[in-house]
Amino acid sequence: MSKMEQEKSWETSMLGYGDALKAIVAAHPDAKILELGAGRRPSFTFEEMPSTVKSYTVNDISPEELSLLPDGYDQACFDVSGDASNFSDRYDVVFSRFLAEHVADGEAMHRNVYQVLRDGGTAFHLIPTLYAMPFVINKFLPERLTSWVLATFAPRRAINPKFPAYYSMCYGDPEKMARKLKQIGYSKVEVRSFYGHFYYEKIPVLRGIHRWFSDLAARNEWTRLSSYAYIKAEK
């Protein structure tokens, strides 16, 4: 891959997420940060985060999951698309990865994130995007069938529990995402698109076609056909 193509690769979206998040957090002195939907397993340790972090709160809908958190993390038990009013105006950075696609009402989730952010705060999400073919299939095919497809053709993805996926407000189109998020109230929205995925890794012919098409989409910036995106939005 060329340098530009590597910057747009799905692998970069995965491997670069932590560094991108830390740069956002480091811009907030005494940062109070909130990770959505992490349960008992926060994505980062305190040692991995910038020294500007004052508190690291973990959200989950399950109090049982949160009770298993390692020492040092704060807890915020609420449904990301439900009532978050008890946590209003509290956090400088709110982040998630691979949570948004499992939320049935994406607009409600983003409104809640806006609500719990302080003025000047930043939301940062890593999401799979429509209209990448595996996610279109995952959205519309029956759950039993998509579970079999994952186990057969993308076994490393199937290791994790497979939760229902809705892809509500999971779009790679920057204009569409910016319009929807600014309607909620965000002042600035940035969308960085990535291309390709590993779902065809066990199918040589499809793998080759997919790689060719992903390179073409990346070169032409066909964002509606991207596979993943970073969504950064400021309150």
C-alpha atoms as a PDB file:
ATOM      1  CA  MET A   1       0.000   0.000   0.000  1.00  0.00           C
ATOM      2  CA  SER A   2       1.027   3.588  -0.570  1.00  0.00           C
ATOM      3  CA  LYS A   3       1.194   5.966   2.373  1.00  0.00           C
ATOM      4  CA  MET A   4      -2.129   7.561   1.476  1.00  0.00           C
ATOM      5  CA  GLU A   5      -3.807   4.173   1.072  1.00  0.00           C
ATOM      6  CA  GLN A   6      -2.442   3.012   4.436  1.00  0.00           C
ATOM      7  CA  GLU A   7      -3.933   6.090   6.111  1.00  0.00           C
ATOM      8  CA  LYS A   8      -7.332   5.021   4.782  1.00  0.00           C
ATOM      9  CA  SER A   9      -7.015   1.308   5.572  1.00  0.00           C
ATOM     10  CA  TRP A  10      -9.369  -0.436   7.980  1.00  0.00           C
ATOM     11  CA  GLU A  11      -6.291  -1.667   9.851  1.00  0.00           C
ATOM     12  CA  THR A  12      -5.286   1.912  10.549  1.00  0.00           C
ATOM     13  CA  SER A  13      -8.716   2.623  12.029  1.00  0.00           C
ATOM     14  CA  MET A  14      -8.208  -0.180  14.541  1.00  0.00           C
ATOM     15  CA  LEU A  15      -4.546   0.352  15.367  1.00  0.00           C
ATOM     16  CA  GLY A  16      -4.695   4.152  15.414  1.00  0.00           C
ATOM     17  CA  TYR A  17      -7.787   4.591  17.559  1.00  0.00           C
ATOM     18  CA  GLY A  18      -5.944   4.704  20.869  1.00  0.00           C
ATOM     19  CA  ASP A  19      -3.461   7.346  19.756  1.00  0.00           C
ATOM     20  CA  ALA A  20      -6.220   9.468  18.205  1.00  0.00           C
ATOM     21  CA  LEU A  21      -8.231   9.308  21.429  1.00  0.00           C
ATOM     22  CA  LYS A  22      -5.238  10.144  23.617  1.00  0.00           C
ATOM     23  CA  ALA A  23      -4.500  13.240  21.527  1.00  0.00           C
ATOM     24  CA  ILE A  24      -8.065  14.425  22.126  1.00  0.00           C
ATOM     25  CA  VAL A  25      -7.873  13.713  25.856  1.00  0.00           C
ATOM     26  CA  ALA A  26      -4.491  15.439  26.213  1.00  0.00           C
ATOM     27  CA  ALA A  27      -6.036  18.701  24.952  1.00  0.00           C
ATOM     28  CA  HIS A  28      -8.252  18.848  28.068  1.00  0.00           C
ATOM     29  CA  PRO A  29      -6.498  19.759  31.346  1.00  0.00           C
ATOM     30  CA  ASP A  30      -7.838  17.750  34.299  1.00  0.00           C
ATOM     31  CA  ALA A  31      -9.877  15.706  31.862  1.00  0.00           C
ATOM     32  CA  LYS A  32     -12.879  13.751  33.047  1.00  0.00           C
ATOM     33  CA  ILE A  33     -13.434  11.015  30.484  1.00  0.00           C
ATOM     34  CA  LEU A  34     -16.280   8.547  29.943  1.00  0.00           C
ATOM     35  CA  GLU A  35     -16.102   5.307  27.971  1.00  0.00           C
ATOM     36  CA  LEU A  36     -19.480   4.053  26.779  1.00  0.00           C
ATOM     37  CA  GLY A  37     -20.562   0.423  26.915  1.00  0.00           C
ATOM     38  CA  ALA A  38     -17.297  -1.005  28.239  1.00  0.00           C
ATOM     39  CA  GLY A  39     -18.753  -3.060  31.082  1.00  0.00           C
ATOM     40  CA  ARG A  40     -16.101  -4.772  33.183  1.00  0.00           C
ATOM     41  CA  ARG A  41     -13.375  -4.259  30.561  1.00  0.00           C
ATOM     42  CA  PRO A  42     -12.278  -0.661  29.991  1.00  0.00           C
ATOM     43  CA  SER A  43     -10.285  -0.221  26.799  1.00  0.00           C
ATOM     44  CA  PHE A  44      -7.356   1.486  28.512  1.00  0.00           C
ATOM     45  CA  THR A  45      -5.492   1.489  31.789  1.00  0.00           C
ATOM     46  CA  PHE A  46      -4.749   4.722  33.606  1.00  0.00           C
ATOM     47  CA  GLU A  47      -1.080   4.298  32.725  1.00  0.00           C
ATOM     48  CA  GLU A  48      -1.965   4.289  29.016  1.00  0.00           C
ATOM     49  CA  MET A  49      -3.885   7.550  29.192  1.00  0.00           C
ATOM     50  CA  PRO A  50      -2.359  11.063  29.170  1.00  0.00           C
ATOM     51  CA  SER A  51      -1.349  12.569  32.503  1.00  0.00           C
ATOM     52  CA  THR A  52      -4.105  15.169  32.031  1.00  0.00           C
ATOM     53  CA  VAL A  53      -6.762  12.596  32.985  1.00  0.00           C
ATOM     54  CA  LYS A  54      -8.402  13.401  36.298  1.00  0.00           C
ATOM     55  CA  SER A  55     -11.002  10.619  36.238  1.00  0.00           C
ATOM     56  CA  TYR A  56     -11.891   7.689  33.974  1.00  0.00           C
ATOM     57  CA  THR A  57     -15.547   6.645  34.140  1.00  0.00           C
ATOM     58  CA  VAL A  58     -16.924   3.499  32.555  1.00  0.00           C
ATOM     59  CA  ASN A  59     -20.526   3.222  31.395  1.00  0.00           C
ATOM     60  CA  ASP A  60     -22.681   0.146  31.025  1.00  0.00           C
ATOM     61  CA  ILE A  61     -26.374  -0.651  31.252  1.00  0.00           C
ATOM     62  CA  SER A  62     -25.604  -3.507  33.668  1.00  0.00           C
ATOM     63  CA  PRO A  63     -24.700  -2.767  37.294  1.00  0.00           C
ATOM     64  CA  GLU A  64     -23.440  -6.336  37.579  1.00  0.00           C
ATOM     65  CA  GLU A  65     -20.893  -5.732  34.816  1.00  0.00           C
ATOM     66  CA  LEU A  66     -19.765  -2.462  36.362  1.00  0.00           C
ATOM     67  CA  SER A  67     -19.324  -4.115  39.743  1.00  0.00           C
ATOM     68  CA  LEU A  68     -16.539  -6.189  38.185  1.00  0.00           C
ATOM     69  CA  LEU A  69     -14.500  -3.169  37.105  1.00  0.00           C
ATOM     70  CA  PRO A  70     -10.878  -3.003  38.305  1.00  0.00           C
ATOM     71  CA  ASP A  71     -10.168  -0.557  41.121  1.00  0.00           C
ATOM     72  CA  GLY A  72      -9.805   3.108  40.250  1.00  0.00           C
ATOM     73  CA  TYR A  73     -12.504   3.472  37.631  1.00  0.00           C
ATOM     74  CA  ASP A  74     -15.689   5.409  38.289  1.00  0.00           C
ATOM     75  CA  GLN A  75     -19.042   3.975  37.225  1.00  0.00           C
ATOM     76  CA  ALA A  76     -21.926   5.435  35.237  1.00  0.00           C
ATOM     77  CA  CYS A  77     -24.808   2.991  34.956  1.00  0.00           C
ATOM     78  CA  PHE A  78     -27.299   4.111  32.305  1.00  0.00           C
ATOM     79  CA  ASP A  79     -28.702   3.088  28.941  1.00  0.00           C
ATOM     80  CA  VAL A  80     -26.840   5.075  26.269  1.00  0.00           C
ATOM     81  CA  SER A  81     -30.131   5.618  24.430  1.00  0.00           C
ATOM     82  CA  GLY A  82     -32.229   6.000  27.606  1.00  0.00           C
ATOM     83  CA  ASP A  83     -32.137   8.502  30.456  1.00  0.00           C
ATOM     84  CA  ALA A  84     -28.695  10.016  31.071  1.00  0.00           C
ATOM     85  CA  SER A  85     -29.890  13.106  32.936  1.00  0.00           C
ATOM     86  CA  ASN A  86     -28.112  12.114  36.170  1.00  0.00           C
ATOM     87  CA  PHE A  87     -24.789  12.601  34.391  1.00  0.00           C
ATOM     88  CA  SER A  88     -25.436  15.884  32.573  1.00  0.00           C
ATOM     89  CA  ASP A  89     -22.561  18.309  31.890  1.00  0.00           C
ATOM     90  CA  ARG A  90     -19.999  16.089  33.583  1.00  0.00           C
ATOM     91  CA  TYR A  91     -17.378  14.899  31.087  1.00  0.00           C
ATOM     92  CA  ASP A  92     -14.713  16.462  28.880  1.00  0.00           C
ATOM     93  CA  VAL A  93     -14.356  13.492  26.541  1.00  0.00           C
ATOM     94  CA  VAL A  94     -16.901  10.753  25.824  1.00  0.00           C
ATOM     95  CA  PHE A  95     -15.764   7.885  23.628  1.00  0.00           C
ATOM     96  CA  SER A  96     -16.734   4.477  22.292  1.00  0.00           C
ATOM     97  CA  ARG A  97     -15.617   1.896  19.796  1.00  0.00           C
ATOM     98  CA  PHE A  98     -17.900  -0.605  18.133  1.00  0.00           C
ATOM     99  CA  LEU A  99     -20.811   0.324  20.339  1.00  0.00           C
ATOM    100  CA  ALA A 100     -22.880   2.609  18.112  1.00  0.00           C
ATOM    101  CA  GLU A 101     -23.954  -0.127  15.680  1.00  0.00           C
ATOM    102  CA  HIS A 102     -25.613  -2.041  18.532  1.00  0.00           C
ATOM    103  CA  VAL A 103     -27.766   0.903  19.634  1.00  0.00           C
ATOM    104  CA  ALA A 104     -31.258   0.776  18.142  1.00  0.00           C
ATOM    105  CA  ASP A 105     -31.723   4.551  18.340  1.00  0.00           C
ATOM    106  CA  GLY A 106     -28.464   6.189  17.298  1.00  0.00           C
ATOM    107  CA  GLU A 107     -29.871   9.691  17.481  1.00  0.00           C
ATOM    108  CA  ALA A 108     -30.845   9.148  21.133  1.00  0.00           C
ATOM    109  CA  MET A 109     -27.333   7.929  21.895  1.00  0.00           C
ATOM    110  CA  HIS A 110     -25.713  10.990  20.331  1.00  0.00           C
ATOM    111  CA  ARG A 111     -28.162  13.286  22.149  1.00  0.00           C
ATOM    112  CA  ASN A 112     -27.224  11.652  25.432  1.00  0.00           C
ATOM    113  CA  VAL A 113     -23.526  12.041  24.694  1.00  0.00           C
ATOM    114  CA  TYR A 114     -24.142  15.707  23.977  1.00  0.00           C
ATOM    115  CA  GLN A 115     -26.038  16.001  27.257  1.00  0.00           C
ATOM    116  CA  VAL A 116     -23.319  14.462  29.418  1.00  0.00           C
ATOM    117  CA  LEU A 117     -20.503  16.468  27.799  1.00  0.00           C
ATOM    118  CA  ARG A 118     -19.367  19.736  29.313  1.00  0.00           C
ATOM    119  CA  ASP A 119     -19.273  22.823  27.106  1.00  0.00           C
ATOM    120  CA  GLY A 120     -16.132  22.518  25.013  1.00  0.00           C
ATOM    121  CA  GLY A 121     -16.139  18.740  25.404  1.00  0.00           C
ATOM    122  CA  THR A 122     -15.469  16.228  22.645  1.00  0.00           C
ATOM    123  CA  ALA A 123     -17.184  13.020  21.567  1.00  0.00           C
ATOM    124  CA  PHE A 124     -15.110  10.433  19.724  1.00  0.00           C
ATOM    125  CA  HIS A 125     -16.456   7.189  18.266  1.00  0.00           C
ATOM    126  CA  LEU A 126     -15.104   4.383  16.090  1.00  0.00           C
ATOM    127  CA  ILE A 127     -17.987   2.915  14.112  1.00  0.00           C
ATOM    128  CA  PRO A 128     -18.579   0.470  11.264  1.00  0.00           C
ATOM    129  CA  THR A 129     -20.349   2.276   8.447  1.00  0.00           C
ATOM    130  CA  LEU A 130     -23.085   1.742   5.933  1.00  0.00           C
ATOM    131  CA  TYR A 131     -22.974   0.899   3.121  1.00  0.00           C
ATOM    132  CA  ALA A 132     -20.111  -1.582   3.372  1.00  0.00           C
ATOM    133  CA  MET A 133     -21.506  -4.902   2.172  1.00  0.00           C
ATOM    134  CA  PRO A 134     -20.829  -7.022   5.304  1.00  0.00           C
ATOM    135  CA  PHE A 135     -22.675  -4.491   7.448  1.00  0.00           C
ATOM    136  CA  VAL A 136     -25.595  -4.229   5.045  1.00  0.00           C
ATOM    137  CA  ILE A 137     -25.860  -8.025   5.210  1.00  0.00           C
ATOM    138  CA  ASN A 138     -25.545  -7.968   8.988  1.00  0.00           C
ATOM    139  CA  LYS A 139     -28.281  -5.353   9.251  1.00  0.00           C
ATOM    140  CA  PHE A 140     -30.876  -7.057   7.075  1.00  0.00           C
ATOM    141  CA  LEU A 141     -30.292 -10.825   7.278  1.00  0.00           C
ATOM    142  CA  PRO A 142     -31.739 -12.900  10.143  1.00  0.00           C
ATOM    143  CA  GLU A 143     -29.526 -13.063  13.238  1.00  0.00           C
ATOM    144  CA  ARG A 144     -29.085 -16.842  13.078  1.00  0.00           C
ATOM    145  CA  LEU A 145     -27.803 -16.611   9.509  1.00  0.00           C
ATOM    146  CA  THR A 146     -25.404 -13.724  10.125  1.00  0.00           C
ATOM    147  CA  SER A 147     -23.958 -15.556  13.132  1.00  0.00           C
ATOM    148  CA  TRP A 148     -23.224 -18.556  10.904  1.00  0.00           C
ATOM    149  CA  VAL A 149     -21.677 -16.327   8.227  1.00  0.00           C
ATOM    150  CA  LEU A 150     -19.335 -14.742  10.783  1.00  0.00           C
ATOM    151  CA  ALA A 151     -18.294 -18.073  12.259  1.00  0.00           C
ATOM    152  CA  THR A 152     -17.643 -19.493   8.779  1.00  0.00           C
ATOM    153  CA  PHE A 153     -16.014 -16.643   6.890  1.00  0.00           C
ATOM    154  CA  ALA A 154     -14.651 -14.300   9.587  1.00  0.00           C
ATOM    155  CA  PRO A 155     -13.830 -16.519  12.582  1.00  0.00           C
ATOM    156  CA  ARG A 156     -11.671 -13.959  14.370  1.00  0.00           C
ATOM    157  CA  ARG A 157     -14.634 -11.540  14.369  1.00  0.00           C
ATOM    158  CA  ALA A 158     -16.905 -14.299  15.679  1.00  0.00           C
ATOM    159  CA  ILE A 159     -14.784 -14.874  18.789  1.00  0.00           C
ATOM    160  CA  ASN A 160     -16.601 -12.074  20.588  1.00  0.00           C
ATOM    161  CA  PRO A 161     -20.287 -12.370  21.505  1.00  0.00           C
ATOM    162  CA  LYS A 162     -22.425 -11.225  18.601  1.00  0.00           C
ATOM    163  CA  PHE A 163     -24.951  -8.629  19.708  1.00  0.00           C
ATOM    164  CA  PRO A 164     -27.828  -7.437  17.492  1.00  0.00           C
ATOM    165  CA  ALA A 165     -26.625  -4.766  15.072  1.00  0.00           C
ATOM    166  CA  TYR A 166     -28.855  -1.908  13.908  1.00  0.00           C
ATOM    167  CA  TYR A 167     -26.367   0.583  12.385  1.00  0.00           C
ATOM    168  CA  SER A 168     -28.592   3.489  13.382  1.00  0.00           C
ATOM    169  CA  MET A 169     -26.725   6.692  12.469  1.00  0.00           C
ATOM    170  CA  CYS A 170     -23.671   4.701  11.381  1.00  0.00           C
ATOM    171  CA  TYR A 171     -22.896   6.424   8.089  1.00  0.00           C
ATOM    172  CA  GLY A 172     -19.582   7.025   6.414  1.00  0.00           C
ATOM    173  CA  ASP A 173     -20.925  10.002   4.464  1.00  0.00           C
ATOM    174  CA  PRO A 174     -19.342  13.008   6.256  1.00  0.00           C
ATOM    175  CA  GLU A 175     -21.999  15.468   5.106  1.00  0.00           C
ATOM    176  CA  LYS A 176     -24.831  13.278   6.334  1.00  0.00           C
ATOM    177  CA  MET A 177     -23.223  12.614   9.712  1.00  0.00           C
ATOM    178  CA  ALA A 178     -22.283  16.277  10.195  1.00  0.00           C
ATOM    179  CA  ARG A 179     -25.809  17.419   9.359  1.00  0.00           C
ATOM    180  CA  LYS A 180     -27.412  14.995  11.815  1.00  0.00           C
ATOM    181  CA  LEU A 181     -24.985  15.753  14.643  1.00  0.00           C
ATOM    182  CA  LYS A 182     -25.169  19.521  14.182  1.00  0.00           C
ATOM    183  CA  GLN A 183     -28.960  19.262  14.382  1.00  0.00           C
ATOM    184  CA  ILE A 184     -28.412  17.827  17.866  1.00  0.00           C
ATOM    185  CA  GLY A 185     -26.269  20.814  18.778  1.00  0.00           C
ATOM    186  CA  TYR A 186     -22.649  19.886  18.103  1.00  0.00           C
ATOM    187  CA  SER A 187     -20.646  22.859  16.889  1.00  0.00           C
ATOM    188  CA  LYS A 188     -17.990  21.003  14.903  1.00  0.00           C
ATOM    189  CA  VAL A 189     -18.032  17.533  13.379  1.00  0.00           C
ATOM    190  CA  GLU A 190     -15.167  15.659  11.721  1.00  0.00           C
ATOM    191  CA  VAL A 191     -15.535  12.299   9.979  1.00  0.00           C
ATOM    192  CA  ARG A 192     -12.490  10.286   8.914  1.00  0.00           C
ATOM    193  CA  SER A 193     -13.337   7.372   6.642  1.00  0.00           C
ATOM    194  CA  PHE A 194     -11.521   4.065   6.288  1.00  0.00           C
ATOM    195  CA  TYR A 195     -11.888   1.351   3.676  1.00  0.00           C
ATOM    196  CA  GLY A 196     -11.766  -2.428   3.519  1.00  0.00           C
ATOM    197  CA  HIS A 197     -12.309  -5.152   6.126  1.00  0.00           C
ATOM    198  CA  PHE A 198     -11.318  -8.734   6.871  1.00  0.00           C
ATOM    199  CA  TYR A 199     -14.660 -10.456   6.321  1.00  0.00           C
ATOM    200  CA  TYR A 200     -13.619 -12.153   3.079  1.00  0.00           C
ATOM    201  CA  GLU A 201     -10.249 -13.382   4.338  1.00  0.00           C
ATOM    202  CA  LYS A 202     -11.177 -17.063   3.858  1.00  0.00           C
ATOM    203  CA  ILE A 203     -12.554 -16.601   0.321  1.00  0.00           C
ATOM    204  CA  PRO A 204      -9.604 -16.030  -2.064  1.00  0.00           C
ATOM    205  CA  VAL A 205     -11.562 -14.766  -5.089  1.00  0.00           C
ATOM    206  CA  LEU A 206     -13.785 -12.427  -3.090  1.00  0.00           C
ATOM    207  CA  ARG A 207     -10.773 -11.297  -1.070  1.00  0.00           C
ATOM    208  CA  GLY A 208      -8.970 -10.189  -4.214  1.00  0.00           C
ATOM    209  CA  ILE A 209     -12.007  -8.413  -5.652  1.00  0.00           C
ATOM    210  CA  HIS A 210     -12.672  -6.725  -2.346  1.00  0.00           C
ATOM    211  CA  ARG A 211      -9.117  -5.438  -2.021  1.00  0.00           C
ATOM    212  CA  TRP A 212      -9.227  -4.024  -5.544  1.00  0.00           C
ATOM    213  CA  PHE A 213     -12.584  -2.341  -4.945  1.00  0.00           C
ATOM    214  CA  SER A 214     -11.533  -0.963  -1.532  1.00  0.00           C
ATOM    215  CA  ASP A 215      -8.432   0.618  -3.067  1.00  0.00           C
ATOM    216  CA  LEU A 216     -10.605   2.158  -5.774  1.00  0.00           C
ATOM    217  CA  ALA A 217     -13.117   3.502  -3.245  1.00  0.00           C
ATOM    218  CA  ALA A 218     -10.327   4.936  -1.073  1.00  0.00           C
ATOM    219  CA  ARG A 219      -8.614   6.674  -4.011  1.00  0.00           C
ATOM    220  CA  ASN A 220     -11.890   8.223  -5.119  1.00  0.00           C
ATOM    221  CA  GLU A 221     -13.086   8.927  -1.561  1.00  0.00           C
ATOM    222  CA  TRP A 222     -16.385   7.124  -2.037  1.00  0.00           C
ATOM    223  CA  THR A 223     -17.244   7.656   1.609  1.00  0.00           C
ATOM    224  CA  ARG A 224     -20.681   6.078   1.320  1.00  0.00           C
ATOM    225  CA  LEU A 225     -18.871   2.808   0.640  1.00  0.00           C
ATOM    226  CA  SER A 226     -16.366   3.132   3.479  1.00  0.00           C
ATOM    227  CA  SER A 227     -16.223   0.390   6.102  1.00  0.00           C
ATOM    228  CA  TYR A 228     -15.279   2.278   9.290  1.00  0.00           C
ATOM    229  CA  ALA A 229     -15.068   5.855  10.475  1.00  0.00           C
ATOM    230  CA  TYR A 230     -13.863   8.023  13.302  1.00  0.00           C
ATOM    231  CA  ILE A 231     -16.593  10.424  14.383  1.00  0.00           C
ATOM    232  CA  LYS A 232     -15.294  13.429  16.300  1.00  0.00           C
ATOM    233  CA  ALA A 233     -17.836  16.019  17.481  1.00  0.00           C
ATOM    234  CA  GLU A 234     -17.366  19.037  19.722  1.00  0.00           C
ATOM    235  CA  LYS A 235     -19.966  20.569  22.022  1.00  0.00           C
END
